[in-house]
Amino acid sequence: MRDIVPNLRDVGGMSTVDGHAVLPGRVLRSAMPAATGRAPDGIVWPPALVIDLRSAGESEPVHPLARSGARIVNLPLLSALRPGTAPAESLHSLYLLVLDHASMFLVELVREVGQARGAALIHCAAGKDRTGVSIALLLRLVDVPREQVHADYRATADAEQDITARLRKLPGRQHRSTLPASFFDVSVEALDGVLDVWDDHEGGVHGWFRSAGGSDEIIDQLRRTLLT
């Protein structure tokens, strides 16, 4: 039987502060999909682009969606942590480490989504942390308000059982079993740490993106792709 991909949802429909809306069928987020996975009715599947945020130790030799015709791009956010970096002690510190060490991958993610010629699926293992930060950046760059970013992030809590069942089958499960229980929480406070960094930066999230190596051209292309 083909199972529905855990934590899969379309972020389309959210409104922006200037009266636009995120188009459905442009950005999907999920936990790690299986080759036999399917999407609920109304969600574009398979996606045209898959952005896999996992590191090598979590990944299969061939991505499960590689035979679907999707273009697969690997942007391993946690592999970018510099040697000697102290392990994160909380989700809050983990998310900030991603900003500090993997900003170049986040810039590339925005570029890829903006250029995608169809639905773009962004996933990690659970579809919560690395995916959560990435989706938050996309939404804030097109001026989706913070409270809607919160609501999308919190929706992962509804898929907790399905995510846990999926993670038990994936590479890297031995490492995940050593993590503190708090790492599996859906923590809006942790995400707020990221949102605060962006909002407090000179020029806001757009200024942070430019300082990370992005450009106004990439942001403009993202807006053309994602918004009505």
Protein backbone atom coordinates (compact mmCIF):
# COMPACT_ATOMS: atom_id res chain seq x y z
CA MET A 1 0.00 0.00 0.00
CA ARG A 2 1.25 3.47 -0.83
CA ASP A 3 1.42 5.61 2.29
CA ILE A 4 0.94 9.36 2.40
CA VAL A 5 4.24 11.21 2.82
CA PRO A 6 4.52 12.27 6.48
CA ASN A 7 4.16 15.94 7.34
CA LEU A 8 3.47 16.82 3.72
CA ARG A 9 1.69 20.09 3.05
CA ASP A 10 1.48 22.91 0.56
CA VAL A 11 2.35 26.32 1.98
CA GLY A 12 0.26 28.06 -0.67
CA GLY A 13 -2.60 30.33 0.30
CA MET A 14 -0.78 32.44 2.86
CA SER A 15 -1.26 36.18 2.46
CA THR A 16 1.45 38.84 2.44
CA VAL A 17 1.45 42.23 4.11
CA ASP A 18 1.03 43.94 0.74
CA GLY A 19 -2.07 42.02 -0.32
CA HIS A 20 -0.59 39.21 -2.41
CA ALA A 21 -0.90 35.48 -1.69
CA VAL A 22 1.45 32.53 -1.98
CA LEU A 23 0.37 30.43 -4.94
CA PRO A 24 -0.65 26.82 -4.27
CA GLY A 25 1.48 24.16 -5.97
CA ARG A 26 4.72 26.12 -5.70
CA VAL A 27 6.29 25.12 -2.37
CA LEU A 28 5.70 21.85 -0.55
CA ARG A 29 7.30 20.73 2.71
CA SER A 30 7.49 17.28 4.25
CA ALA A 31 9.41 14.69 6.19
CA MET A 32 11.58 12.35 4.16
CA PRO A 33 9.42 10.85 1.37
CA ALA A 34 9.52 7.20 0.36
CA ALA A 35 9.58 6.01 -3.25
CA THR A 36 6.13 4.52 -2.71
CA GLY A 37 4.77 7.59 -0.95
CA ARG A 38 1.79 9.51 -2.24
CA ALA A 39 0.31 12.93 -1.61
CA PRO A 40 -3.18 13.77 -0.39
CA ASP A 41 -5.68 14.91 -2.99
CA GLY A 42 -5.04 18.46 -4.10
CA ILE A 43 -1.25 18.43 -3.70
CA VAL A 44 0.96 18.37 -6.79
CA TRP A 45 2.88 15.07 -6.93
CA PRO A 46 5.55 14.24 -7.80
CA PRO A 47 7.26 17.61 -7.43
CA ALA A 48 9.41 19.05 -10.20
CA LEU A 49 12.21 19.94 -7.76
CA VAL A 50 13.26 18.21 -4.54
CA ILE A 51 15.58 20.03 -2.12
CA ASP A 52 16.98 17.51 0.36
CA LEU A 53 18.49 19.20 3.43
CA ARG A 54 19.92 16.05 5.01
CA SER A 55 23.58 15.21 5.57
CA ALA A 56 25.37 12.22 4.02
CA GLY A 57 24.93 9.96 7.05
CA GLU A 58 21.16 10.32 6.84
CA SER A 59 20.80 9.77 3.13
CA GLU A 60 20.28 6.81 0.83
CA PRO A 61 22.68 6.28 -2.10
CA VAL A 62 19.86 7.27 -4.47
CA HIS A 63 17.08 9.61 -3.43
CA PRO A 64 13.69 7.84 -3.33
CA LEU A 65 12.16 10.35 -5.76
CA ALA A 66 15.03 10.25 -8.24
CA ARG A 67 13.09 7.97 -10.60
CA SER A 68 10.01 10.18 -10.52
CA GLY A 69 11.60 12.67 -12.89
CA ALA A 70 12.15 15.26 -10.16
CA ARG A 71 15.37 17.24 -10.12
CA ILE A 72 17.15 16.43 -6.84
CA VAL A 73 19.29 19.09 -5.11
CA ASN A 74 21.12 18.30 -1.86
CA LEU A 75 21.82 21.26 0.45
CA PRO A 76 23.06 19.60 3.68
CA LEU A 77 22.54 22.37 6.20
CA LEU A 78 24.10 20.66 9.21
CA SER A 79 27.13 19.42 7.26
CA ALA A 80 28.17 23.05 6.93
CA LEU A 81 28.97 23.35 10.64
CA ARG A 82 32.63 24.26 10.94
CA PRO A 83 35.04 21.81 12.63
CA GLY A 84 35.26 22.44 16.36
CA THR A 85 31.79 23.92 16.61
CA ALA A 86 30.24 22.98 19.95
CA PRO A 87 27.17 20.73 19.63
CA ALA A 88 23.85 22.50 19.94
CA GLU A 89 22.30 22.11 23.38
CA SER A 90 18.80 23.21 22.33
CA LEU A 91 16.67 23.70 19.26
CA HIS A 92 17.16 27.43 19.65
CA SER A 93 20.94 27.09 19.40
CA LEU A 94 20.67 24.54 16.59
CA TYR A 95 18.60 26.89 14.46
CA LEU A 96 21.04 29.74 15.05
CA LEU A 97 23.95 27.48 14.08
CA VAL A 98 22.23 26.89 10.75
CA LEU A 99 22.06 30.65 10.17
CA ASP A 100 25.68 31.15 11.20
CA HIS A 101 27.22 28.26 9.26
CA ALA A 102 24.90 27.33 6.40
CA SER A 103 23.68 30.69 5.11
CA MET A 104 25.21 29.97 1.68
CA PHE A 105 22.99 26.89 1.37
CA LEU A 106 19.95 28.94 2.36
CA VAL A 107 20.75 31.46 -0.37
CA GLU A 108 21.03 28.62 -2.89
CA LEU A 109 17.71 27.20 -1.69
CA VAL A 110 15.97 30.51 -2.33
CA ARG A 111 17.57 30.70 -5.78
CA GLU A 112 16.45 27.16 -6.64
CA VAL A 113 12.86 27.70 -5.50
CA GLY A 114 12.64 30.96 -7.41
CA GLN A 115 13.79 29.27 -10.62
CA ALA A 116 11.73 26.08 -10.23
CA ARG A 117 9.42 25.28 -13.14
CA GLY A 118 6.84 23.52 -11.01
CA ALA A 119 6.29 22.40 -7.44
CA ALA A 120 9.38 22.47 -5.21
CA LEU A 121 9.47 20.02 -2.28
CA ILE A 122 11.72 20.94 0.64
CA HIS A 123 12.43 18.21 3.17
CA CYS A 124 14.91 16.98 5.77
CA ALA A 125 14.29 13.91 7.94
CA ALA A 126 11.31 15.04 10.03
CA GLY A 127 10.44 18.13 7.99
CA LYS A 128 10.51 20.24 11.14
CA ASP A 129 13.83 21.93 11.93
CA ARG A 130 16.00 22.44 8.85
CA THR A 131 12.86 22.48 6.73
CA GLY A 132 11.18 24.84 9.20
CA VAL A 133 13.99 27.39 9.02
CA SER A 134 14.11 27.14 5.22
CA ILE A 135 10.36 27.58 4.77
CA ALA A 136 10.36 30.48 7.23
CA LEU A 137 13.02 32.23 5.16
CA LEU A 138 11.07 31.79 1.93
CA LEU A 139 7.89 33.11 3.51
CA ARG A 140 9.49 36.08 5.22
CA LEU A 141 11.36 37.08 2.04
CA VAL A 142 8.01 37.46 0.27
CA ASP A 143 6.56 39.32 3.30
CA VAL A 144 4.30 36.69 4.83
CA PRO A 145 3.62 37.89 8.41
CA ARG A 146 5.30 36.21 11.34
CA GLU A 147 2.06 34.80 12.78
CA GLN A 148 1.39 32.85 9.57
CA VAL A 149 4.95 31.50 9.63
CA HIS A 150 4.28 30.38 13.21
CA ALA A 151 1.06 28.64 12.20
CA ASP A 152 2.75 26.70 9.40
CA TYR A 153 5.59 25.64 11.70
CA ARG A 154 3.17 24.49 14.44
CA ALA A 155 1.29 22.29 11.96
CA THR A 156 4.13 19.75 12.18
CA ALA A 157 2.86 18.78 15.65
CA ASP A 158 -0.20 17.24 13.99
CA ALA A 159 2.03 14.74 12.16
CA GLU A 160 4.14 13.65 15.15
CA GLN A 161 3.18 9.96 15.09
CA ASP A 162 3.67 9.59 11.34
CA ILE A 163 7.04 11.36 11.53
CA THR A 164 8.24 9.10 14.35
CA ALA A 165 7.25 5.97 12.44
CA ARG A 166 9.10 7.23 9.35
CA LEU A 167 12.27 8.18 11.24
CA ARG A 168 12.57 4.67 12.66
CA LYS A 169 13.15 3.39 9.13
CA LEU A 170 15.71 5.98 8.00
CA PRO A 171 19.52 6.06 8.07
CA GLY A 172 20.78 8.06 11.04
CA ARG A 173 18.22 6.68 13.48
CA GLN A 174 21.00 5.59 15.87
CA HIS A 175 22.23 9.17 16.16
CA ARG A 176 18.72 10.55 16.61
CA SER A 177 18.16 8.17 19.53
CA THR A 178 20.94 9.98 21.46
CA LEU A 179 19.40 13.46 21.13
CA PRO A 180 17.60 15.12 24.05
CA ALA A 181 13.83 14.71 23.97
CA SER A 182 13.45 18.49 23.60
CA PHE A 183 14.96 18.27 20.10
CA PHE A 184 11.78 16.57 18.93
CA ASP A 185 9.52 19.36 20.17
CA VAL A 186 7.76 21.80 17.88
CA SER A 187 9.19 24.94 19.48
CA VAL A 188 7.87 28.27 18.25
CA GLU A 189 10.31 29.89 20.70
CA ALA A 190 13.22 28.30 18.81
CA LEU A 191 11.87 29.53 15.48
CA ASP A 192 11.37 32.98 16.97
CA GLY A 193 15.10 33.10 17.65
CA VAL A 194 15.65 32.88 13.89
CA LEU A 195 12.89 35.33 13.05
CA ASP A 196 14.34 37.81 15.55
CA VAL A 197 17.78 37.59 13.92
CA TRP A 198 16.22 38.44 10.57
CA ASP A 199 13.94 41.19 11.84
CA ASP A 200 16.70 42.82 13.92
CA HIS A 201 19.18 42.86 11.04
CA GLU A 202 19.73 46.16 9.25
CA GLY A 203 17.28 46.01 6.38
CA GLY A 204 15.33 43.18 8.02
CA VAL A 205 15.24 39.73 6.46
CA HIS A 206 16.13 41.19 3.06
CA GLY A 207 19.21 42.83 4.55
CA TRP A 208 20.22 39.55 6.22
CA PHE A 209 19.78 37.71 2.93
CA ARG A 210 21.96 40.18 1.07
CA SER A 211 24.64 39.97 3.79
CA ALA A 212 24.59 36.15 3.38
CA GLY A 213 25.41 36.46 -0.32
CA GLY A 214 21.94 36.79 -1.77
CA SER A 215 20.70 39.59 -3.99
CA ASP A 216 17.61 41.63 -4.71
CA GLU A 217 17.40 39.86 -8.07
CA ILE A 218 17.01 36.49 -6.33
CA ILE A 219 14.32 37.92 -4.04
CA ASP A 220 12.48 39.49 -6.98
CA GLN A 221 12.54 36.17 -8.85
CA LEU A 222 11.21 34.38 -5.76
CA ARG A 223 8.32 36.85 -5.55
CA ARG A 224 7.50 36.37 -9.24
CA THR A 225 7.44 32.60 -8.78
CA LEU A 226 5.56 32.36 -5.50
CA LEU A 227 3.05 35.20 -5.44
CA THR A 228 -0.20 36.02 -7.17
